[in-house]
Amino acid sequence: MFTGLISHRGHFREYRQSRSELVIEVPEELSCRLEKGQSLAVDGVCLTVTSGHSRLLTFNLSRETLQKTTLGQLRPGQELNLELPVTADSLLGGHLVTGHVDGIGRVLEVKPRRPGRRLKIRLDRELRKFVVEKGSIAVNGVSLTVAAVAAGYFEVELIPATLEETNLGRLQPGARVNLECDIIGKYVYNFMSRSR
């Protein structure tokens, strides 16, 4: 479980074994805290460390991960948002994020909006029911508040801290992003649908 508050950033280095393995470079202070079998959210995707050497960490990529996330189409050197799992004594500063991505969105617009920016992101029809105005959504693992939502898109505001401390500040129209809808909203929708 994660909170959507990005603690570090890493960089994509390479794929191995026909894209079934992902290698990323992480900051030294993070690499010394991770061992084989531990979890790390990479651009919002919960992955398990399979091996590590110095600052390079390796993860397996399942077929589901390759189909449902952006992790199969990374460019060498691409910056990635990283977050360690919460612990029992962690502050829950964002919202509950599982690292189980629901789908891929595409950035439609990036507009300056003092003091930061406003993003418009395409939203697939099957995810629309889980997204509500003023609710939470994770974009590339970053906990954000939905500022507006319509049939085919939603909008979020990015404050200066988010622009500086995550890879969302580099997004341009056309960029693909990992989306995870609020887990509480998904449970409520499921419960209400079954009780009709």
C-alpha atoms as a PDB file:
ATOM      1  CA  MET A   1       0.000   0.000   0.000  1.00  0.00           C
ATOM      2  CA  PHE A   2       1.173   3.508  -0.879  1.00  0.00           C
ATOM      3  CA  THR A   3       0.016   7.093  -0.362  1.00  0.00           C
ATOM      4  CA  GLY A   4       0.773   8.712  -3.721  1.00  0.00           C
ATOM      5  CA  LEU A   5       3.389  11.034  -2.202  1.00  0.00           C
ATOM      6  CA  ILE A   6       6.517  10.543  -4.297  1.00  0.00           C
ATOM      7  CA  SER A   7       9.661  10.107  -2.223  1.00  0.00           C
ATOM      8  CA  HIS A   8      12.276   9.640  -4.964  1.00  0.00           C
ATOM      9  CA  ARG A   9      12.800   9.612  -8.695  1.00  0.00           C
ATOM     10  CA  GLY A  10      14.713   7.058 -10.723  1.00  0.00           C
ATOM     11  CA  HIS A  11      15.610   6.468 -14.366  1.00  0.00           C
ATOM     12  CA  PHE A  12      14.859   3.656 -16.793  1.00  0.00           C
ATOM     13  CA  ARG A  13      18.001   1.856 -17.903  1.00  0.00           C
ATOM     14  CA  GLU A  14      16.974  -1.188 -19.955  1.00  0.00           C
ATOM     15  CA  TYR A  15      14.679  -4.125 -20.600  1.00  0.00           C
ATOM     16  CA  ARG A  16      15.885  -7.704 -20.400  1.00  0.00           C
ATOM     17  CA  GLN A  17      14.417 -11.065 -21.364  1.00  0.00           C
ATOM     18  CA  SER A  18      12.130  -9.686 -24.105  1.00  0.00           C
ATOM     19  CA  ARG A  19      10.743  -6.945 -21.851  1.00  0.00           C
ATOM     20  CA  SER A  20       9.862  -9.357 -19.058  1.00  0.00           C
ATOM     21  CA  GLU A  21      12.476  -7.645 -16.860  1.00  0.00           C
ATOM     22  CA  LEU A  22      12.838  -3.949 -16.111  1.00  0.00           C
ATOM     23  CA  VAL A  23      16.055  -2.345 -14.856  1.00  0.00           C
ATOM     24  CA  ILE A  24      15.983   1.081 -13.263  1.00  0.00           C
ATOM     25  CA  GLU A  25      18.588   3.251 -11.579  1.00  0.00           C
ATOM     26  CA  VAL A  26      17.552   4.610  -8.192  1.00  0.00           C
ATOM     27  CA  PRO A  27      19.126   7.079  -5.735  1.00  0.00           C
ATOM     28  CA  GLU A  28      21.665   5.533  -3.366  1.00  0.00           C
ATOM     29  CA  GLU A  29      19.595   6.311  -0.261  1.00  0.00           C
ATOM     30  CA  LEU A  30      16.771   4.252  -1.749  1.00  0.00           C
ATOM     31  CA  SER A  31      18.844   1.328  -3.041  1.00  0.00           C
ATOM     32  CA  CYS A  32      20.291   0.673   0.418  1.00  0.00           C
ATOM     33  CA  ARG A  33      16.748   0.332   1.837  1.00  0.00           C
ATOM     34  CA  LEU A  34      15.501  -2.225  -0.712  1.00  0.00           C
ATOM     35  CA  GLU A  35      16.226  -5.934  -0.836  1.00  0.00           C
ATOM     36  CA  LYS A  36      15.058  -8.792  -3.015  1.00  0.00           C
ATOM     37  CA  GLY A  37      11.341  -9.438  -2.481  1.00  0.00           C
ATOM     38  CA  GLN A  38      10.449  -5.927  -1.343  1.00  0.00           C
ATOM     39  CA  SER A  39       7.958  -3.685  -3.116  1.00  0.00           C
ATOM     40  CA  LEU A  40       8.425  -0.335  -4.815  1.00  0.00           C
ATOM     41  CA  ALA A  41       5.902   1.782  -6.714  1.00  0.00           C
ATOM     42  CA  VAL A  42       7.379   2.731 -10.103  1.00  0.00           C
ATOM     43  CA  ASP A  43       5.290   5.396 -11.871  1.00  0.00           C
ATOM     44  CA  GLY A  44       2.390   4.133  -9.776  1.00  0.00           C
ATOM     45  CA  VAL A  45       2.912   0.423 -10.492  1.00  0.00           C
ATOM     46  CA  CYS A  46       3.657  -1.836  -7.536  1.00  0.00           C
ATOM     47  CA  LEU A  47       6.667  -3.984  -8.483  1.00  0.00           C
ATOM     48  CA  THR A  48       8.757  -6.515  -6.571  1.00  0.00           C
ATOM     49  CA  VAL A  49      12.544  -6.247  -6.501  1.00  0.00           C
ATOM     50  CA  THR A  50      14.039  -9.410  -8.025  1.00  0.00           C
ATOM     51  CA  SER A  51      17.685  -8.363  -7.795  1.00  0.00           C
ATOM     52  CA  GLY A  52      19.848  -5.360  -7.114  1.00  0.00           C
ATOM     53  CA  HIS A  53      23.418  -4.339  -7.794  1.00  0.00           C
ATOM     54  CA  SER A  54      24.679  -0.985  -6.576  1.00  0.00           C
ATOM     55  CA  ARG A  55      22.006   1.536  -7.650  1.00  0.00           C
ATOM     56  CA  LEU A  56      20.444  -0.703 -10.319  1.00  0.00           C
ATOM     57  CA  LEU A  57      17.294  -2.614  -9.384  1.00  0.00           C
ATOM     58  CA  THR A  58      15.621  -5.309 -11.480  1.00  0.00           C
ATOM     59  CA  PHE A  59      11.897  -6.122 -11.521  1.00  0.00           C
ATOM     60  CA  ASN A  60       9.780  -8.682 -13.374  1.00  0.00           C
ATOM     61  CA  LEU A  61       7.073  -7.355 -15.692  1.00  0.00           C
ATOM     62  CA  SER A  62       4.030  -9.583 -16.132  1.00  0.00           C
ATOM     63  CA  ARG A  63       1.947  -9.617 -19.305  1.00  0.00           C
ATOM     64  CA  GLU A  64      -0.814  -7.825 -17.377  1.00  0.00           C
ATOM     65  CA  THR A  65       1.605  -5.064 -16.362  1.00  0.00           C
ATOM     66  CA  LEU A  66       2.798  -4.646 -19.938  1.00  0.00           C
ATOM     67  CA  GLN A  67      -0.800  -4.414 -21.202  1.00  0.00           C
ATOM     68  CA  LYS A  68      -2.296  -2.165 -18.509  1.00  0.00           C
ATOM     69  CA  THR A  69       0.563   0.262 -17.789  1.00  0.00           C
ATOM     70  CA  THR A  70       3.140   2.418 -19.542  1.00  0.00           C
ATOM     71  CA  LEU A  71       6.094   0.387 -18.237  1.00  0.00           C
ATOM     72  CA  GLY A  72       6.500  -1.539 -21.491  1.00  0.00           C
ATOM     73  CA  GLN A  73       7.148   1.592 -23.586  1.00  0.00           C
ATOM     74  CA  LEU A  74       9.844   3.448 -21.649  1.00  0.00           C
ATOM     75  CA  ARG A  75      12.669   5.386 -23.293  1.00  0.00           C
ATOM     76  CA  PRO A  76      16.298   5.105 -22.084  1.00  0.00           C
ATOM     77  CA  GLY A  77      16.906   7.621 -19.309  1.00  0.00           C
ATOM     78  CA  GLN A  78      13.194   8.326 -18.803  1.00  0.00           C
ATOM     79  CA  GLU A  79      12.467   9.679 -15.334  1.00  0.00           C
ATOM     80  CA  LEU A  80      10.221   7.567 -13.095  1.00  0.00           C
ATOM     81  CA  ASN A  81       8.330   8.396  -9.903  1.00  0.00           C
ATOM     82  CA  LEU A  82       9.278   6.105  -7.012  1.00  0.00           C
ATOM     83  CA  GLU A  83       7.547   5.501  -3.691  1.00  0.00           C
ATOM     84  CA  LEU A  84       8.287   3.071  -0.874  1.00  0.00           C
ATOM     85  CA  PRO A  85       5.299   1.297   0.720  1.00  0.00           C
ATOM     86  CA  VAL A  86       3.713   2.848   3.803  1.00  0.00           C
ATOM     87  CA  THR A  87       4.485   1.384   7.216  1.00  0.00           C
ATOM     88  CA  ALA A  88       2.255   1.163  10.273  1.00  0.00           C
ATOM     89  CA  ASP A  89       3.682   4.446  11.612  1.00  0.00           C
ATOM     90  CA  SER A  90       3.602   6.366   8.285  1.00  0.00           C
ATOM     91  CA  LEU A  91       1.591   9.544   7.863  1.00  0.00           C
ATOM     92  CA  LEU A  92      -1.152   9.079   5.273  1.00  0.00           C
ATOM     93  CA  GLY A  93      -0.608  12.398   3.537  1.00  0.00           C
ATOM     94  CA  GLY A  94      -2.093  11.497   0.141  1.00  0.00           C
ATOM     95  CA  HIS A  95      -4.762   8.825  -0.293  1.00  0.00           C
ATOM     96  CA  LEU A  96      -4.775   5.017  -0.278  1.00  0.00           C
ATOM     97  CA  VAL A  97      -2.951   3.876  -3.419  1.00  0.00           C
ATOM     98  CA  THR A  98      -2.518   0.156  -4.122  1.00  0.00           C
ATOM     99  CA  GLY A  99      -0.105   0.323  -7.045  1.00  0.00           C
ATOM    100  CA  HIS A 100      -2.593  -1.695  -9.150  1.00  0.00           C
ATOM    101  CA  VAL A 101      -3.050   0.493 -12.214  1.00  0.00           C
ATOM    102  CA  ASP A 102      -6.539   0.600 -13.733  1.00  0.00           C
ATOM    103  CA  GLY A 103      -5.528   1.851 -17.154  1.00  0.00           C
ATOM    104  CA  ILE A 104      -3.572   4.285 -19.261  1.00  0.00           C
ATOM    105  CA  GLY A 105      -4.626   7.886 -19.849  1.00  0.00           C
ATOM    106  CA  ARG A 106      -3.338  10.326 -22.429  1.00  0.00           C
ATOM    107  CA  VAL A 107      -2.562  13.974 -21.681  1.00  0.00           C
ATOM    108  CA  LEU A 108      -4.838  16.155 -23.806  1.00  0.00           C
ATOM    109  CA  GLU A 109      -3.845  19.631 -22.580  1.00  0.00           C
ATOM    110  CA  VAL A 110      -1.297  21.277 -20.302  1.00  0.00           C
ATOM    111  CA  LYS A 111      -2.273  24.823 -19.330  1.00  0.00           C
ATOM    112  CA  PRO A 112      -0.499  27.311 -17.065  1.00  0.00           C
ATOM    113  CA  ARG A 113      -2.650  27.921 -13.995  1.00  0.00           C
ATOM    114  CA  ARG A 114      -1.025  30.032 -11.296  1.00  0.00           C
ATOM    115  CA  PRO A 115       0.823  29.012  -9.288  1.00  0.00           C
ATOM    116  CA  GLY A 116       1.177  25.732 -11.224  1.00  0.00           C
ATOM    117  CA  ARG A 117      -0.456  23.984 -14.179  1.00  0.00           C
ATOM    118  CA  ARG A 118      -3.721  22.287 -15.055  1.00  0.00           C
ATOM    119  CA  LEU A 119      -3.747  18.952 -16.883  1.00  0.00           C
ATOM    120  CA  LYS A 120      -6.587  17.528 -18.940  1.00  0.00           C
ATOM    121  CA  ILE A 121      -6.264  13.744 -19.274  1.00  0.00           C
ATOM    122  CA  ARG A 122      -8.298  11.370 -21.450  1.00  0.00           C
ATOM    123  CA  LEU A 123     -10.300   8.896 -19.386  1.00  0.00           C
ATOM    124  CA  ASP A 124     -11.565   5.580 -20.748  1.00  0.00           C
ATOM    125  CA  ARG A 125     -15.310   5.037 -20.469  1.00  0.00           C
ATOM    126  CA  GLU A 126     -14.989   2.027 -18.149  1.00  0.00           C
ATOM    127  CA  LEU A 127     -13.092   4.128 -15.575  1.00  0.00           C
ATOM    128  CA  ARG A 128     -15.448   7.125 -15.615  1.00  0.00           C
ATOM    129  CA  LYS A 129     -17.742   5.602 -12.971  1.00  0.00           C
ATOM    130  CA  PHE A 130     -14.898   5.597 -10.433  1.00  0.00           C
ATOM    131  CA  VAL A 131     -13.859   9.246 -10.891  1.00  0.00           C
ATOM    132  CA  VAL A 132     -15.689  12.060  -9.115  1.00  0.00           C
ATOM    133  CA  GLU A 133     -15.011  15.771  -8.826  1.00  0.00           C
ATOM    134  CA  LYS A 134     -13.016  16.542  -5.654  1.00  0.00           C
ATOM    135  CA  GLY A 135     -12.211  12.847  -5.338  1.00  0.00           C
ATOM    136  CA  SER A 136      -8.748  11.292  -5.510  1.00  0.00           C
ATOM    137  CA  ILE A 137      -6.876   9.749  -8.424  1.00  0.00           C
ATOM    138  CA  ALA A 138      -3.260   8.647  -8.855  1.00  0.00           C
ATOM    139  CA  VAL A 139      -1.463   9.754 -12.038  1.00  0.00           C
ATOM    140  CA  ASN A 140       1.916   8.038 -12.485  1.00  0.00           C
ATOM    141  CA  GLY A 141       1.612   7.215  -8.809  1.00  0.00           C
ATOM    142  CA  VAL A 142       1.040  10.813  -7.695  1.00  0.00           C
ATOM    143  CA  SER A 143      -1.963  11.430  -5.432  1.00  0.00           C
ATOM    144  CA  LEU A 144      -4.068  14.201  -6.993  1.00  0.00           C
ATOM    145  CA  THR A 145      -7.496  15.768  -6.496  1.00  0.00           C
ATOM    146  CA  VAL A 146      -9.887  15.687  -9.442  1.00  0.00           C
ATOM    147  CA  ALA A 147     -10.696  19.303 -10.326  1.00  0.00           C
ATOM    148  CA  ALA A 148     -13.229  18.512 -13.074  1.00  0.00           C
ATOM    149  CA  VAL A 149     -14.572  15.411 -14.808  1.00  0.00           C
ATOM    150  CA  ALA A 150     -16.551  14.840 -18.013  1.00  0.00           C
ATOM    151  CA  ALA A 151     -17.488  11.876 -20.197  1.00  0.00           C
ATOM    152  CA  GLY A 152     -14.088  11.448 -21.816  1.00  0.00           C
ATOM    153  CA  TYR A 153     -11.614  13.261 -19.600  1.00  0.00           C
ATOM    154  CA  PHE A 154     -10.764  14.642 -16.180  1.00  0.00           C
ATOM    155  CA  GLU A 155      -8.668  17.587 -15.038  1.00  0.00           C
ATOM    156  CA  VAL A 156      -6.205  18.017 -12.173  1.00  0.00           C
ATOM    157  CA  GLU A 157      -4.222  20.948 -10.803  1.00  0.00           C
ATOM    158  CA  LEU A 158      -0.467  20.582 -10.271  1.00  0.00           C
ATOM    159  CA  ILE A 159       1.069  22.759  -7.571  1.00  0.00           C
ATOM    160  CA  PRO A 160       4.728  23.872  -7.810  1.00  0.00           C
ATOM    161  CA  ALA A 161       5.902  21.155  -5.388  1.00  0.00           C
ATOM    162  CA  THR A 162       4.360  18.452  -7.586  1.00  0.00           C
ATOM    163  CA  LEU A 163       5.916  19.971 -10.704  1.00  0.00           C
ATOM    164  CA  GLU A 164       9.361  20.014  -9.070  1.00  0.00           C
ATOM    165  CA  GLU A 165       9.331  16.696  -7.180  1.00  0.00           C
ATOM    166  CA  THR A 166       7.661  14.349  -9.695  1.00  0.00           C
ATOM    167  CA  ASN A 167       7.836  13.614 -13.412  1.00  0.00           C
ATOM    168  CA  LEU A 168       4.410  15.234 -13.960  1.00  0.00           C
ATOM    169  CA  GLY A 169       6.134  18.562 -14.542  1.00  0.00           C
ATOM    170  CA  ARG A 170       7.603  17.211 -17.789  1.00  0.00           C
ATOM    171  CA  LEU A 171       4.331  15.976 -19.279  1.00  0.00           C
ATOM    172  CA  GLN A 172       3.318  17.295 -22.678  1.00  0.00           C
ATOM    173  CA  PRO A 173       0.137  16.724 -24.721  1.00  0.00           C
ATOM    174  CA  GLY A 174       0.144  13.179 -26.077  1.00  0.00           C
ATOM    175  CA  ALA A 175       2.048  11.693 -23.130  1.00  0.00           C
ATOM    176  CA  ARG A 176       0.697   8.421 -21.730  1.00  0.00           C
ATOM    177  CA  VAL A 177       0.217   8.128 -17.960  1.00  0.00           C
ATOM    178  CA  ASN A 178      -0.714   5.383 -15.515  1.00  0.00           C
ATOM    179  CA  LEU A 179      -4.071   5.897 -13.796  1.00  0.00           C
ATOM    180  CA  GLU A 180      -5.288   4.354 -10.563  1.00  0.00           C
ATOM    181  CA  CYS A 181      -8.772   5.282  -9.425  1.00  0.00           C
ATOM    182  CA  ASP A 182      -9.590   5.656  -5.740  1.00  0.00           C
ATOM    183  CA  ILE A 183      -9.874   2.196  -4.137  1.00  0.00           C
ATOM    184  CA  ILE A 184     -12.687   3.321  -1.826  1.00  0.00           C
ATOM    185  CA  GLY A 185     -14.720   4.529  -4.803  1.00  0.00           C
ATOM    186  CA  LYS A 186     -14.226   1.187  -6.559  1.00  0.00           C
ATOM    187  CA  TYR A 187     -15.414  -0.754  -3.510  1.00  0.00           C
ATOM    188  CA  VAL A 188     -18.456   1.500  -3.073  1.00  0.00           C
ATOM    189  CA  TYR A 189     -19.381   1.194  -6.750  1.00  0.00           C
ATOM    190  CA  ASN A 190     -19.014  -2.589  -6.611  1.00  0.00           C
ATOM    191  CA  PHE A 191     -21.142  -2.856  -3.467  1.00  0.00           C
ATOM    192  CA  MET A 192     -23.879  -0.586  -4.833  1.00  0.00           C
ATOM    193  CA  SER A 193     -23.942  -2.400  -8.184  1.00  0.00           C
ATOM    194  CA  ARG A 194     -24.350  -5.799  -6.537  1.00  0.00           C
ATOM    195  CA  SER A 195     -27.061  -4.638  -4.145  1.00  0.00           C
ATOM    196  CA  ARG A 196     -29.317  -3.210  -6.869  1.00  0.00           C
END
